[in-house]
C-alpha atoms as a PDB file:
ATOM      1  CA  MET A   1       0.005   0.008   0.041  1.00  0.00           C
ATOM      2  CA  ASN A   2       1.323   3.409  -0.987  1.00  0.00           C
ATOM      3  CA  THR A   3       1.269   6.184   1.584  1.00  0.00           C
ATOM      4  CA  TYR A   4       1.208   9.870   0.580  1.00  0.00           C
ATOM      5  CA  SER A   5       2.920  12.390   2.703  1.00  0.00           C
ATOM      6  CA  TYR A   6       2.213  15.655   1.074  1.00  0.00           C
ATOM      7  CA  TRP A   7       2.398  18.946   2.986  1.00  0.00           C
ATOM      8  CA  GLY A   8      -1.022  20.419   2.607  1.00  0.00           C
ATOM      9  CA  HIS A   9      -2.339  18.109   0.094  1.00  0.00           C
ATOM     10  CA  GLY A  10      -3.994  14.704   0.296  1.00  0.00           C
ATOM     11  CA  GLY A  11      -2.562  13.450  -3.032  1.00  0.00           C
ATOM     12  CA  PRO A  12      -4.524  11.731  -5.686  1.00  0.00           C
ATOM     13  CA  TYR A  13      -7.442  11.032  -3.352  1.00  0.00           C
ATOM     14  CA  GLU A  14      -7.904  14.737  -2.648  1.00  0.00           C
ATOM     15  CA  THR A  15      -7.505  15.582  -6.293  1.00  0.00           C
ATOM     16  CA  TRP A  16     -10.287  13.255  -7.227  1.00  0.00           C
ATOM     17  CA  VAL A  17     -12.591  14.295  -4.355  1.00  0.00           C
ATOM     18  CA  ASP A  18     -12.096  18.076  -5.129  1.00  0.00           C
ATOM     19  CA  PHE A  19     -12.836  17.342  -8.808  1.00  0.00           C
ATOM     20  CA  LEU A  20     -15.943  15.369  -7.908  1.00  0.00           C
ATOM     21  CA  HIS A  21     -17.306  18.108  -5.644  1.00  0.00           C
ATOM     22  CA  ARG A  22     -16.771  20.848  -8.247  1.00  0.00           C
ATOM     23  CA  TRP A  23     -18.139  18.614 -11.035  1.00  0.00           C
ATOM     24  CA  ALA A  24     -21.219  17.684  -8.996  1.00  0.00           C
ATOM     25  CA  ALA A  25     -21.904  21.407  -8.464  1.00  0.00           C
ATOM     26  CA  ALA A  26     -21.457  22.054 -12.159  1.00  0.00           C
ATOM     27  CA  GLU A  27     -18.569  24.395 -11.479  1.00  0.00           C
ATOM     28  CA  PRO A  28     -15.954  24.427 -14.171  1.00  0.00           C
ATOM     29  CA  PRO A  29     -13.686  21.625 -13.017  1.00  0.00           C
ATOM     30  CA  ALA A  30     -10.314  20.520 -14.392  1.00  0.00           C
ATOM     31  CA  ASP A  31     -10.356  18.216 -17.388  1.00  0.00           C
ATOM     32  CA  PRO A  32     -11.201  14.698 -16.189  1.00  0.00           C
ATOM     33  CA  ALA A  33      -8.440  13.375 -18.446  1.00  0.00           C
ATOM     34  CA  THR A  34      -5.911  15.042 -16.057  1.00  0.00           C
ATOM     35  CA  LEU A  35      -7.116  13.070 -13.059  1.00  0.00           C
ATOM     36  CA  PRO A  36      -4.459  10.779 -11.628  1.00  0.00           C
ATOM     37  CA  PRO A  37      -4.872   7.033 -11.855  1.00  0.00           C
ATOM     38  CA  LEU A  38      -5.967   5.250  -8.671  1.00  0.00           C
ATOM     39  CA  SER A  39      -4.938   1.712  -7.806  1.00  0.00           C
ATOM     40  CA  GLU A  40      -6.793  -0.574  -5.351  1.00  0.00           C
ATOM     41  CA  ASP A  41      -3.475  -0.873  -3.492  1.00  0.00           C
ATOM     42  CA  ASP A  42      -3.305   2.907  -2.926  1.00  0.00           C
ATOM     43  CA  PHE A  43      -5.761   3.031  -0.067  1.00  0.00           C
ATOM     44  CA  PRO A  44      -7.257   0.743   2.673  1.00  0.00           C
ATOM     45  CA  GLY A  45     -10.867  -0.533   2.291  1.00  0.00           C
ATOM     46  CA  GLU A  46     -12.384   2.251   4.493  1.00  0.00           C
ATOM     47  CA  THR A  47     -10.862   4.893   2.237  1.00  0.00           C
ATOM     48  CA  TRP A  48     -12.266   3.296  -0.909  1.00  0.00           C
ATOM     49  CA  GLU A  49     -15.717   3.124   0.751  1.00  0.00           C
ATOM     50  CA  ARG A  50     -15.485   6.902   1.406  1.00  0.00           C
ATOM     51  CA  PHE A  51     -14.243   7.532  -2.183  1.00  0.00           C
ATOM     52  CA  ALA A  52     -17.133   5.416  -3.610  1.00  0.00           C
ATOM     53  CA  LEU A  53     -19.595   7.537  -1.577  1.00  0.00           C
ATOM     54  CA  HIS A  54     -18.085  10.773  -3.021  1.00  0.00           C
ATOM     55  CA  LEU A  55     -18.243   9.311  -6.569  1.00  0.00           C
ATOM     56  CA  GLY A  56     -21.778   8.027  -6.164  1.00  0.00           C
ATOM     57  CA  GLU A  57     -23.052  11.331  -4.602  1.00  0.00           C
ATOM     58  CA  ALA A  58     -21.396  13.259  -7.459  1.00  0.00           C
ATOM     59  CA  LEU A  59     -22.911  11.108 -10.214  1.00  0.00           C
ATOM     60  CA  ASP A  60     -26.286  11.162  -8.448  1.00  0.00           C
ATOM     61  CA  LYS A  61     -26.286  14.959  -8.112  1.00  0.00           C
ATOM     62  CA  ARG A  62     -25.332  15.414 -11.828  1.00  0.00           C
ATOM     63  CA  LEU A  63     -27.987  12.949 -13.037  1.00  0.00           C
ATOM     64  CA  LYS A  64     -30.701  14.684 -10.902  1.00  0.00           C
ATOM     65  CA  SER A  65     -29.696  18.082 -12.324  1.00  0.00           C
ATOM     66  CA  TRP A  66     -29.595  16.633 -15.812  1.00  0.00           C
ATOM     67  CA  ASP A  67     -33.023  14.969 -15.388  1.00  0.00           C
ATOM     68  CA  ARG A  68     -34.542  18.375 -14.144  1.00  0.00           C
ATOM     69  CA  HIS A  69     -33.163  20.241 -17.098  1.00  0.00           C
ATOM     70  CA  LEU A  70     -34.385  17.603 -19.560  1.00  0.00           C
ATOM     71  CA  ALA A  71     -37.910  17.665 -18.045  1.00  0.00           C
ATOM     72  CA  GLN A  72     -37.976  21.517 -18.329  1.00  0.00           C
ATOM     73  CA  ALA A  73     -36.663  21.452 -21.929  1.00  0.00           C
ATOM     74  CA  LEU A  74     -39.267  18.778 -23.026  1.00  0.00           C
ATOM     75  CA  LEU A  75     -42.083  20.712 -21.359  1.00  0.00           C
ATOM     76  CA  ALA A  76     -41.002  23.895 -23.069  1.00  0.00           C
ATOM     77  CA  ALA A  77     -40.508  22.337 -26.523  1.00  0.00           C
ATOM     78  CA  PRO A  78     -43.079  23.890 -28.834  1.00  0.00           C
ATOM     79  CA  ASP A  79     -42.585  21.229 -31.538  1.00  0.00           C
ATOM     80  CA  GLU A  80     -41.038  17.823 -32.199  1.00  0.00           C
ATOM     81  CA  PHE A  81     -37.881  19.340 -33.601  1.00  0.00           C
ATOM     82  CA  SER A  82     -37.323  21.193 -30.360  1.00  0.00           C
ATOM     83  CA  ALA A  83     -38.092  18.041 -28.404  1.00  0.00           C
ATOM     84  CA  GLY A  84     -35.599  16.078 -30.472  1.00  0.00           C
ATOM     85  CA  ARG A  85     -32.964  18.738 -29.959  1.00  0.00           C
ATOM     86  CA  ALA A  86     -33.572  18.614 -26.250  1.00  0.00           C
ATOM     87  CA  LEU A  87     -33.114  14.839 -26.238  1.00  0.00           C
ATOM     88  CA  ALA A  88     -29.987  15.105 -28.375  1.00  0.00           C
ATOM     89  CA  GLN A  89     -28.505  17.669 -26.054  1.00  0.00           C
ATOM     90  CA  ALA A  90     -29.448  15.448 -23.152  1.00  0.00           C
ATOM     91  CA  ARG A  91     -27.515  12.575 -24.674  1.00  0.00           C
ATOM     92  CA  ALA A  92     -24.511  14.839 -24.998  1.00  0.00           C
ATOM     93  CA  GLY A  93     -24.840  15.710 -21.334  1.00  0.00           C
ATOM     94  CA  LEU A  94     -24.936  12.002 -20.427  1.00  0.00           C
ATOM     95  CA  GLU A  95     -21.593  11.461 -22.172  1.00  0.00           C
ATOM     96  CA  GLU A  96     -19.882  13.551 -19.515  1.00  0.00           C
ATOM     97  CA  VAL A  97     -21.552  11.415 -16.800  1.00  0.00           C
ATOM     98  CA  ARG A  98     -20.468   8.279 -18.522  1.00  0.00           C
ATOM     99  CA  THR A  99     -16.935   9.598 -18.860  1.00  0.00           C
ATOM    100  CA  VAL A 100     -16.577  10.247 -15.125  1.00  0.00           C
ATOM    101  CA  ALA A 101     -18.294   6.843 -14.121  1.00  0.00           C
ATOM    102  CA  GLY A 102     -16.018   4.928 -16.497  1.00  0.00           C
ATOM    103  CA  HIS A 103     -12.858   6.961 -15.993  1.00  0.00           C
ATOM    104  CA  PRO A 104      -9.736   4.951 -16.905  1.00  0.00           C
ATOM    105  CA  GLY A 105      -8.027   6.235 -13.759  1.00  0.00           C
ATOM    106  CA  LEU A 106     -10.518   4.340 -11.521  1.00  0.00           C
ATOM    107  CA  PRO A 107      -9.863   0.749 -10.492  1.00  0.00           C
ATOM    108  CA  GLU A 108     -11.687  -1.704 -12.696  1.00  0.00           C
ATOM    109  CA  THR A 109     -14.168  -2.727  -9.943  1.00  0.00           C
ATOM    110  CA  LEU A 110     -15.297   0.867  -9.345  1.00  0.00           C
ATOM    111  CA  ARG A 111     -15.396   1.669 -13.054  1.00  0.00           C
ATOM    112  CA  THR A 112     -17.602  -1.380 -13.785  1.00  0.00           C
ATOM    113  CA  ARG A 113     -19.891  -0.834 -10.785  1.00  0.00           C
ATOM    114  CA  PHE A 114     -20.593   2.852 -11.506  1.00  0.00           C
ATOM    115  CA  THR A 115     -20.806   2.490 -15.263  1.00  0.00           C
ATOM    116  CA  GLU A 116     -23.519  -0.169 -14.800  1.00  0.00           C
ATOM    117  CA  LEU A 117     -25.348   2.022 -12.317  1.00  0.00           C
ATOM    118  CA  VAL A 118     -25.297   5.043 -14.700  1.00  0.00           C
ATOM    119  CA  GLU A 119     -26.426   2.931 -17.706  1.00  0.00           C
ATOM    120  CA  SER A 120     -29.277   1.479 -15.522  1.00  0.00           C
ATOM    121  CA  GLN A 121     -30.317   5.060 -14.587  1.00  0.00           C
ATOM    122  CA  ILE A 122     -30.314   6.147 -18.265  1.00  0.00           C
ATOM    123  CA  THR A 123     -32.462   3.174 -19.169  1.00  0.00           C
ATOM    124  CA  ASP A 124     -34.876   4.052 -16.302  1.00  0.00           C
ATOM    125  CA  PHE A 125     -35.068   7.686 -17.458  1.00  0.00           C
ATOM    126  CA  GLN A 126     -35.957   6.530 -21.010  1.00  0.00           C
ATOM    127  CA  SER A 127     -38.581   4.164 -19.649  1.00  0.00           C
ATOM    128  CA  GLN A 128     -40.037   6.820 -17.459  1.00  0.00           C
ATOM    129  CA  ILE A 129     -40.511   9.257 -20.330  1.00  0.00           C
ATOM    130  CA  GLU A 130     -42.352   6.495 -22.323  1.00  0.00           C
ATOM    131  CA  ARG A 131     -44.443   5.595 -19.290  1.00  0.00           C
ATOM    132  CA  ASN A 132     -45.434   9.227 -18.839  1.00  0.00           C
ATOM    133  CA  LEU A 133     -46.605   9.309 -22.482  1.00  0.00           C
ATOM    134  CA  ASP A 134     -48.583   6.056 -21.901  1.00  0.00           C
ATOM    135  CA  ASN A 135     -50.264   7.637 -18.841  1.00  0.00           C
ATOM    136  CA  LEU A 136     -50.985  10.742 -20.816  1.00  0.00           C
ATOM    137  CA  ALA A 137     -52.571   8.635 -23.598  1.00  0.00           C
ATOM    138  CA  ALA A 138     -54.846   6.948 -21.153  1.00  0.00           C
ATOM    139  CA  THR A 139     -56.178  10.339 -20.043  1.00  0.00           C
ATOM    140  CA  ASN A 140     -59.467  11.454 -21.595  1.00  0.00           C
ATOM    141  CA  GLY A 141     -59.135  14.529 -23.713  1.00  0.00           C
ATOM    142  CA  SER A 142     -55.472  13.972 -24.573  1.00  0.00           C
ATOM    143  CA  ASP A 143     -54.392  14.686 -28.138  1.00  0.00           C
ATOM    144  CA  ILE A 144     -53.495  11.181 -29.248  1.00  0.00           C
ATOM    145  CA  ARG A 145     -51.781  12.475 -32.517  1.00  0.00           C
ATOM    146  CA  TRP A 146     -49.460  14.698 -30.459  1.00  0.00           C
ATOM    147  CA  ILE A 147     -48.720  11.853 -27.998  1.00  0.00           C
ATOM    148  CA  GLU A 148     -47.833   9.522 -30.861  1.00  0.00           C
ATOM    149  CA  GLN A 149     -45.586  12.172 -32.436  1.00  0.00           C
ATOM    150  CA  ARG A 150     -43.817  12.756 -29.129  1.00  0.00           C
ATOM    151  CA  ARG A 151     -43.498   9.019 -28.546  1.00  0.00           C
ATOM    152  CA  ARG A 152     -41.790   8.720 -32.017  1.00  0.00           C
ATOM    153  CA  THR A 153     -39.496  11.665 -31.156  1.00  0.00           C
ATOM    154  CA  VAL A 154     -38.547  10.041 -27.854  1.00  0.00           C
ATOM    155  CA  ARG A 155     -37.815   6.712 -29.462  1.00  0.00           C
ATOM    156  CA  ASP A 156     -35.938   8.191 -32.447  1.00  0.00           C
ATOM    157  CA  ASN A 157     -33.742  10.150 -30.036  1.00  0.00           C
ATOM    158  CA  ALA A 158     -33.382   7.556 -27.316  1.00  0.00           C
ATOM    159  CA  LEU A 159     -31.398   8.544 -24.248  1.00  0.00           C
ATOM    160  CA  THR A 160     -29.772   5.077 -24.224  1.00  0.00           C
ATOM    161  CA  GLY A 161     -28.050   5.927 -27.561  1.00  0.00           C
ATOM    162  CA  ARG A 162     -24.692   7.546 -27.684  1.00  0.00           C
ATOM    163  CA  SER A 163     -24.250  11.211 -28.588  1.00  0.00           C
ATOM    164  CA  THR A 164     -22.810  11.807 -32.070  1.00  0.00           C
ATOM    165  CA  ALA A 165     -22.714  15.657 -31.820  1.00  0.00           C
ATOM    166  CA  PRO A 166     -19.733  17.369 -30.239  1.00  0.00           C
ATOM    167  CA  ALA A 167     -20.771  18.925 -26.898  1.00  0.00           C
ATOM    168  CA  ALA A 168     -19.046  22.229 -27.722  1.00  0.00           C
ATOM    169  CA  ASP A 169     -21.227  22.997 -30.780  1.00  0.00           C
ATOM    170  CA  PRO A 170     -22.739  26.396 -29.959  1.00  0.00           C
ATOM    171  CA  TRP A 171     -25.501  25.898 -32.534  1.00  0.00           C
ATOM    172  CA  ALA A 172     -26.656  22.773 -30.763  1.00  0.00           C
ATOM    173  CA  GLN A 173     -27.581  25.002 -27.766  1.00  0.00           C
ATOM    174  CA  ALA A 174     -31.058  26.453 -27.268  1.00  0.00           C
ATOM    175  CA  PRO A 175     -31.253  30.261 -27.586  1.00  0.00           C
ATOM    176  CA  VAL A 176     -30.359  32.046 -24.386  1.00  0.00           C
ATOM    177  CA  GLY A 177     -32.466  34.889 -23.085  1.00  0.00           C
ATOM    178  CA  ASP A 178     -35.913  35.847 -24.163  1.00  0.00           C
ATOM    179  CA  ARG A 179     -35.035  36.451 -27.802  1.00  0.00           C
ATOM    180  CA  PRO A 180     -34.483  33.855 -30.452  1.00  0.00           C
ATOM    181  CA  ARG A 181     -31.422  33.855 -32.596  1.00  0.00           C
ATOM    182  CA  ARG A 182     -31.439  36.375 -35.511  1.00  0.00           C
ATOM    183  CA  ARG A 183     -32.557  34.896 -38.788  1.00  0.00           C
ATOM    184  CA  VAL A 184     -31.700  36.454 -42.070  1.00  0.00           C
ATOM    185  CA  VAL A 185     -34.326  35.750 -44.641  1.00  0.00           C
ATOM    186  CA  THR A 186     -33.824  36.894 -48.245  1.00  0.00           C
ATOM    187  CA  ASP A 187     -36.483  36.961 -50.911  1.00  0.00           C
END
């Protein structure tokens, strides 16, 4: 077992925990690619248990925030194109969560466990959206045509798929503020 004797710094453990706290709060963290590798031999079992709690809490917080933003975007979507865009952006947001859960610097056991947990949550989110549409369809007075269009949009843009768009594409973002983007129309 390695021991770290840093003056004023807890070594790789502290680096990871600081990153996880900032990342969970959606503060601009350091690039996850710069995180140091961790080995199972680095710490005793109790330390790994604490680390797993930090990692689990960070992933949970990010997924809850992600879910809240997706629900707001879907409710605000005036048409199926906007709903599809919201789902595509949501997939891009999930890639960051998947990257942290399956980070190559984590020991294989943690990486496998947390990757499986994240993938399970993503599948549950997809199922929940579809169940909500089923419940809405069972309600009298619901617009069945709109529900079927939304169902198709949700299935065509499944959250369980992988994002193909780069996350930094500014045109993939919804307009900010109360005004839409300027459009130039020529006759």
